[in-house]
Amino acid sequence: MTFNDQFTLFTIASWAAAALAFIIGLLIMYWVIRLAVTHGLRSHHHWLEDNGRR
């Protein structure tokens, strides 16, 4: 394997790793935001039930 082939393979592997890390980061961010919204809605629902709906 020549240096040029190794460099090309390393470049492709680097881009693939970066894309995978980006996708995993987006999924984690989605999960955190969804968890926060769910908690907020549940908390608001309990607050409405305790204080009565007006």
PDB file of N, CA and C in Angstrom:
ATOM      1  N   MET A   1       0.849  -1.170   0.000  1.00  0.00           N
ATOM      2  CA  MET A   1       0.000   0.000   0.000  1.00  0.00           C
ATOM      3  C   MET A   1       0.901   1.240   0.000  1.00  0.00           C
ATOM      4  N   THR A   2       0.630   2.118  -0.905  1.00  0.00           N
ATOM      5  CA  THR A   2       1.457   3.322  -1.024  1.00  0.00           C
ATOM      6  C   THR A   2       0.978   4.389  -0.045  1.00  0.00           C
ATOM      7  N   PHE A   3       1.809   5.420   0.073  1.00  0.00           N
ATOM      8  CA  PHE A   3       1.469   6.529   0.968  1.00  0.00           C
ATOM      9  C   PHE A   3       0.181   7.203   0.525  1.00  0.00           C
ATOM     10  N   ASN A   4      -0.013   7.357  -0.778  1.00  0.00           N
ATOM     11  CA  ASN A   4      -1.211   8.012  -1.304  1.00  0.00           C
ATOM     12  C   ASN A   4      -2.464   7.215  -0.944  1.00  0.00           C
ATOM     13  N   ASP A   5      -2.391   5.885  -1.042  1.00  0.00           N
ATOM     14  CA  ASP A   5      -3.533   5.046  -0.674  1.00  0.00           C
ATOM     15  C   ASP A   5      -3.826   5.142   0.825  1.00  0.00           C
ATOM     16  N   GLN A   6      -2.776   5.148   1.623  1.00  0.00           N
ATOM     17  CA  GLN A   6      -2.962   5.254   3.071  1.00  0.00           C
ATOM     18  C   GLN A   6      -3.587   6.598   3.455  1.00  0.00           C
ATOM     19  N   PHE A   7      -3.106   7.654   2.803  1.00  0.00           N
ATOM     20  CA  PHE A   7      -3.641   8.987   3.078  1.00  0.00           C
ATOM     21  C   PHE A   7      -5.112   9.069   2.705  1.00  0.00           C
ATOM     22  N   THR A   8      -5.475   8.504   1.558  1.00  0.00           N
ATOM     23  CA  THR A   8      -6.869   8.512   1.116  1.00  0.00           C
ATOM     24  C   THR A   8      -7.742   7.728   2.092  1.00  0.00           C
ATOM     25  N   LEU A   9      -7.274   6.555   2.508  1.00  0.00           N
ATOM     26  CA  LEU A   9      -8.018   5.743   3.448  1.00  0.00           C
ATOM     27  C   LEU A   9      -8.180   6.454   4.792  1.00  0.00           C
ATOM     28  N   PHE A  10      -7.124   7.090   5.268  1.00  0.00           N
ATOM     29  CA  PHE A  10      -7.189   7.835   6.525  1.00  0.00           C
ATOM     30  C   PHE A  10      -8.151   9.013   6.415  1.00  0.00           C
ATOM     31  N   THR A  11      -8.155   9.692   5.288  1.00  0.00           N
ATOM     32  CA  THR A  11      -9.062  10.831   5.085  1.00  0.00           C
ATOM     33  C   THR A  11     -10.519  10.375   5.099  1.00  0.00           C
ATOM     34  N   ILE A  12     -10.802   9.298   4.411  1.00  0.00           N
ATOM     35  CA  ILE A  12     -12.171   8.772   4.374  1.00  0.00           C
ATOM     36  C   ILE A  12     -12.600   8.320   5.767  1.00  0.00           C
ATOM     37  N   ALA A  13     -11.717   7.633   6.483  1.00  0.00           N
ATOM     38  CA  ALA A  13     -12.039   7.177   7.835  1.00  0.00           C
ATOM     39  C   ALA A  13     -12.265   8.367   8.768  1.00  0.00           C
ATOM     40  N   SER A  14     -11.496   9.426   8.612  1.00  0.00           N
ATOM     41  CA  SER A  14     -11.665  10.609   9.450  1.00  0.00           C
ATOM     42  C   SER A  14     -13.012  11.270   9.192  1.00  0.00           C
ATOM     43  N   TRP A  15     -13.383  11.412   7.933  1.00  0.00           N
ATOM     44  CA  TRP A  15     -14.677  12.010   7.604  1.00  0.00           C
ATOM     45  C   TRP A  15     -15.822  11.150   8.108  1.00  0.00           C
ATOM     46  N   ALA A  16     -15.688   9.838   7.987  1.00  0.00           N
ATOM     47  CA  ALA A  16     -16.732   8.935   8.464  1.00  0.00           C
ATOM     48  C   ALA A  16     -16.871   9.030   9.985  1.00  0.00           C
ATOM     49  N   ALA A  17     -15.760   9.087  10.697  1.00  0.00           N
ATOM     50  CA  ALA A  17     -15.805   9.215  12.155  1.00  0.00           C
ATOM     51  C   ALA A  17     -16.423  10.549  12.561  1.00  0.00           C
ATOM     52  N   ALA A  18     -16.094  11.618  11.852  1.00  0.00           N
ATOM     53  CA  ALA A  18     -16.659  12.933  12.158  1.00  0.00           C
ATOM     54  C   ALA A  18     -18.167  12.940  11.901  1.00  0.00           C
ATOM     55  N   ALA A  19     -18.600  12.328  10.809  1.00  0.00           N
ATOM     56  CA  ALA A  19     -20.034  12.270  10.499  1.00  0.00           C
ATOM     57  C   ALA A  19     -20.777  11.446  11.551  1.00  0.00           C
ATOM     58  N   LEU A  20     -20.193  10.336  11.967  1.00  0.00           N
ATOM     59  CA  LEU A  20     -20.809   9.506  12.988  1.00  0.00           C
ATOM     60  C   LEU A  20     -20.903  10.253  14.319  1.00  0.00           C
ATOM     61  N   ALA A  21     -19.859  10.959  14.696  1.00  0.00           N
ATOM     62  CA  ALA A  21     -19.874  11.737  15.937  1.00  0.00           C
ATOM     63  C   ALA A  21     -20.926  12.841  15.870  1.00  0.00           C
ATOM     64  N   PHE A  22     -21.072  13.472  14.710  1.00  0.00           N
ATOM     65  CA  PHE A  22     -22.074  14.527  14.527  1.00  0.00           C
ATOM     66  C   PHE A  22     -23.481  13.964  14.684  1.00  0.00           C
ATOM     67  N   ILE A  23     -23.743  12.818  14.083  1.00  0.00           N
ATOM     68  CA  ILE A  23     -25.067  12.198  14.163  1.00  0.00           C
ATOM     69  C   ILE A  23     -25.367  11.775  15.596  1.00  0.00           C
ATOM     70  N   ILE A  24     -24.397  11.196  16.273  1.00  0.00           N
ATOM     71  CA  ILE A  24     -24.599  10.795  17.666  1.00  0.00           C
ATOM     72  C   ILE A  24     -24.845  12.027  18.537  1.00  0.00           C
ATOM     73  N   GLY A  25     -24.126  13.109  18.276  1.00  0.00           N
ATOM     74  CA  GLY A  25     -24.342  14.351  19.015  1.00  0.00           C
ATOM     75  C   GLY A  25     -25.745  14.903  18.808  1.00  0.00           C
ATOM     76  N   LEU A  26     -26.233  14.853  17.580  1.00  0.00           N
ATOM     77  CA  LEU A  26     -27.597  15.304  17.307  1.00  0.00           C
ATOM     78  C   LEU A  26     -28.630  14.440  18.022  1.00  0.00           C
ATOM     79  N   LEU A  27     -28.414  13.135  18.033  1.00  0.00           N
ATOM     80  CA  LEU A  27     -29.350  12.240  18.717  1.00  0.00           C
ATOM     81  C   LEU A  27     -29.362  12.491  20.226  1.00  0.00           C
ATOM     82  N   ILE A  28     -28.204  12.730  20.808  1.00  0.00           N
ATOM     83  CA  ILE A  28     -28.139  13.029  22.240  1.00  0.00           C
ATOM     84  C   ILE A  28     -28.832  14.355  22.529  1.00  0.00           C
ATOM     85  N   MET A  29     -28.601  15.355  21.683  1.00  0.00           N
ATOM     86  CA  MET A  29     -29.243  16.650  21.873  1.00  0.00           C
ATOM     87  C   MET A  29     -30.762  16.521  21.745  1.00  0.00           C
ATOM     88  N   TYR A  30     -31.239  15.751  20.780  1.00  0.00           N
ATOM     89  CA  TYR A  30     -32.671  15.516  20.617  1.00  0.00           C
ATOM     90  C   TYR A  30     -33.246  14.857  21.871  1.00  0.00           C
ATOM     91  N   TRP A  31     -32.549  13.851  22.403  1.00  0.00           N
ATOM     92  CA  TRP A  31     -33.016  13.133  23.577  1.00  0.00           C
ATOM     93  C   TRP A  31     -33.096  14.067  24.789  1.00  0.00           C
ATOM     94  N   VAL A  32     -32.098  14.901  24.985  1.00  0.00           N
ATOM     95  CA  VAL A  32     -32.083  15.821  26.127  1.00  0.00           C
ATOM     96  C   VAL A  32     -33.216  16.839  26.012  1.00  0.00           C
ATOM     97  N   ILE A  33     -33.417  17.400  24.831  1.00  0.00           N
ATOM     98  CA  ILE A  33     -34.490  18.384  24.637  1.00  0.00           C
ATOM     99  C   ILE A  33     -35.850  17.727  24.830  1.00  0.00           C
ATOM    100  N   ARG A  34     -36.029  16.527  24.295  1.00  0.00           N
ATOM    101  CA  ARG A  34     -37.299  15.835  24.438  1.00  0.00           C
ATOM    102  C   ARG A  34     -37.584  15.514  25.907  1.00  0.00           C
ATOM    103  N   LEU A  35     -36.552  15.094  26.633  1.00  0.00           N
ATOM    104  CA  LEU A  35     -36.718  14.806  28.053  1.00  0.00           C
ATOM    105  C   LEU A  35     -37.095  16.063  28.824  1.00  0.00           C
ATOM    106  N   ALA A  36     -36.475  17.177  28.501  1.00  0.00           N
ATOM    107  CA  ALA A  36     -36.777  18.439  29.193  1.00  0.00           C
ATOM    108  C   ALA A  36     -38.206  18.898  28.903  1.00  0.00           C
ATOM    109  N   VAL A  37     -38.638  18.799  27.661  1.00  0.00           N
ATOM    110  CA  VAL A  37     -40.001  19.209  27.306  1.00  0.00           C
ATOM    111  C   VAL A  37     -41.020  18.304  27.981  1.00  0.00           C
ATOM    112  N   THR A  38     -40.767  17.004  27.995  1.00  0.00           N
ATOM    113  CA  THR A  38     -41.677  16.063  28.651  1.00  0.00           C
ATOM    114  C   THR A  38     -41.783  16.372  30.143  1.00  0.00           C
ATOM    115  N   HIS A  39     -40.654  16.631  30.780  1.00  0.00           N
ATOM    116  CA  HIS A  39     -40.666  16.967  32.202  1.00  0.00           C
ATOM    117  C   HIS A  39     -41.437  18.272  32.445  1.00  0.00           C
ATOM    118  N   GLY A  40     -41.229  19.252  31.600  1.00  0.00           N
ATOM    119  CA  GLY A  40     -41.929  20.529  31.748  1.00  0.00           C
ATOM    120  C   GLY A  40     -43.427  20.384  31.580  1.00  0.00           C
ATOM    121  N   LEU A  41     -43.849  19.609  30.594  1.00  0.00           N
ATOM    122  CA  LEU A  41     -45.282  19.395  30.389  1.00  0.00           C
ATOM    123  C   LEU A  41     -45.905  18.633  31.552  1.00  0.00           C
ATOM    124  N   ARG A  42     -45.199  17.620  32.054  1.00  0.00           N
ATOM    125  CA  ARG A  42     -45.713  16.859  33.192  1.00  0.00           C
ATOM    126  C   ARG A  42     -45.810  17.743  34.430  1.00  0.00           C
ATOM    127  N   SER A  43     -44.797  18.554  34.659  1.00  0.00           N
ATOM    128  CA  SER A  43     -44.801  19.447  35.812  1.00  0.00           C
ATOM    129  C   SER A  43     -45.935  20.466  35.695  1.00  0.00           C
ATOM    130  N   HIS A  44     -46.141  20.988  34.510  1.00  0.00           N
ATOM    131  CA  HIS A  44     -47.216  21.954  34.297  1.00  0.00           C
ATOM    132  C   HIS A  44     -48.578  21.298  34.509  1.00  0.00           C
ATOM    133  N   HIS A  45     -48.721  20.068  34.047  1.00  0.00           N
ATOM    134  CA  HIS A  45     -49.983  19.346  34.233  1.00  0.00           C
ATOM    135  C   HIS A  45     -50.266  19.146  35.720  1.00  0.00           C
ATOM    136  N   HIS A  46     -49.243  18.742  36.476  1.00  0.00           N
ATOM    137  CA  HIS A  46     -49.441  18.565  37.916  1.00  0.00           C
ATOM    138  C   HIS A  46     -49.757  19.886  38.596  1.00  0.00           C
ATOM    139  N   TRP A  47     -49.140  20.945  38.164  1.00  0.00           N
ATOM    140  CA  TRP A  47     -49.417  22.264  38.729  1.00  0.00           C
ATOM    141  C   TRP A  47     -50.863  22.669  38.461  1.00  0.00           C
ATOM    142  N   LEU A  48     -51.343  22.400  37.235  1.00  0.00           N
ATOM    143  CA  LEU A  48     -52.744  22.713  36.914  1.00  0.00           C
ATOM    144  C   LEU A  48     -53.705  21.898  37.767  1.00  0.00           C
ATOM    145  N   GLU A  49     -53.381  20.612  37.952  1.00  0.00           N
ATOM    146  CA  GLU A  49     -54.259  19.751  38.757  1.00  0.00           C
ATOM    147  C   GLU A  49     -54.289  20.187  40.221  1.00  0.00           C
ATOM    148  N   ASP A  50     -53.173  20.620  40.751  1.00  0.00           N
ATOM    149  CA  ASP A  50     -53.106  21.044  42.150  1.00  0.00           C
ATOM    150  C   ASP A  50     -53.793  22.386  42.376  1.00  0.00           C
ATOM    151  N   ASN A  51     -53.678  23.295  41.441  1.00  0.00           N
ATOM    152  CA  ASN A  51     -54.212  24.654  41.616  1.00  0.00           C
ATOM    153  C   ASN A  51     -55.578  24.847  40.964  1.00  0.00           C
ATOM    154  N   GLY A  52     -56.054  23.883  40.299  1.00  0.00           N
ATOM    155  CA  GLY A  52     -57.360  23.993  39.644  1.00  0.00           C
ATOM    156  C   GLY A  52     -57.248  24.759  38.333  1.00  0.00           C
ATOM    157  N   ARG A  53     -57.984  24.293  37.375  1.00  0.00           N
ATOM    158  CA  ARG A  53     -57.976  24.972  36.077  1.00  0.00           C
ATOM    159  C   ARG A  53     -58.917  26.164  36.127  1.00  0.00           C
ATOM    160  N   ARG A  54     -58.486  27.253  35.554  1.00  0.00           N
ATOM    161  CA  ARG A  54     -59.302  28.455  35.590  1.00  0.00           C
ATOM    162  C   ARG A  54     -59.714  28.847  34.209  1.00  0.00           C
TER     163      ARG A  54
END
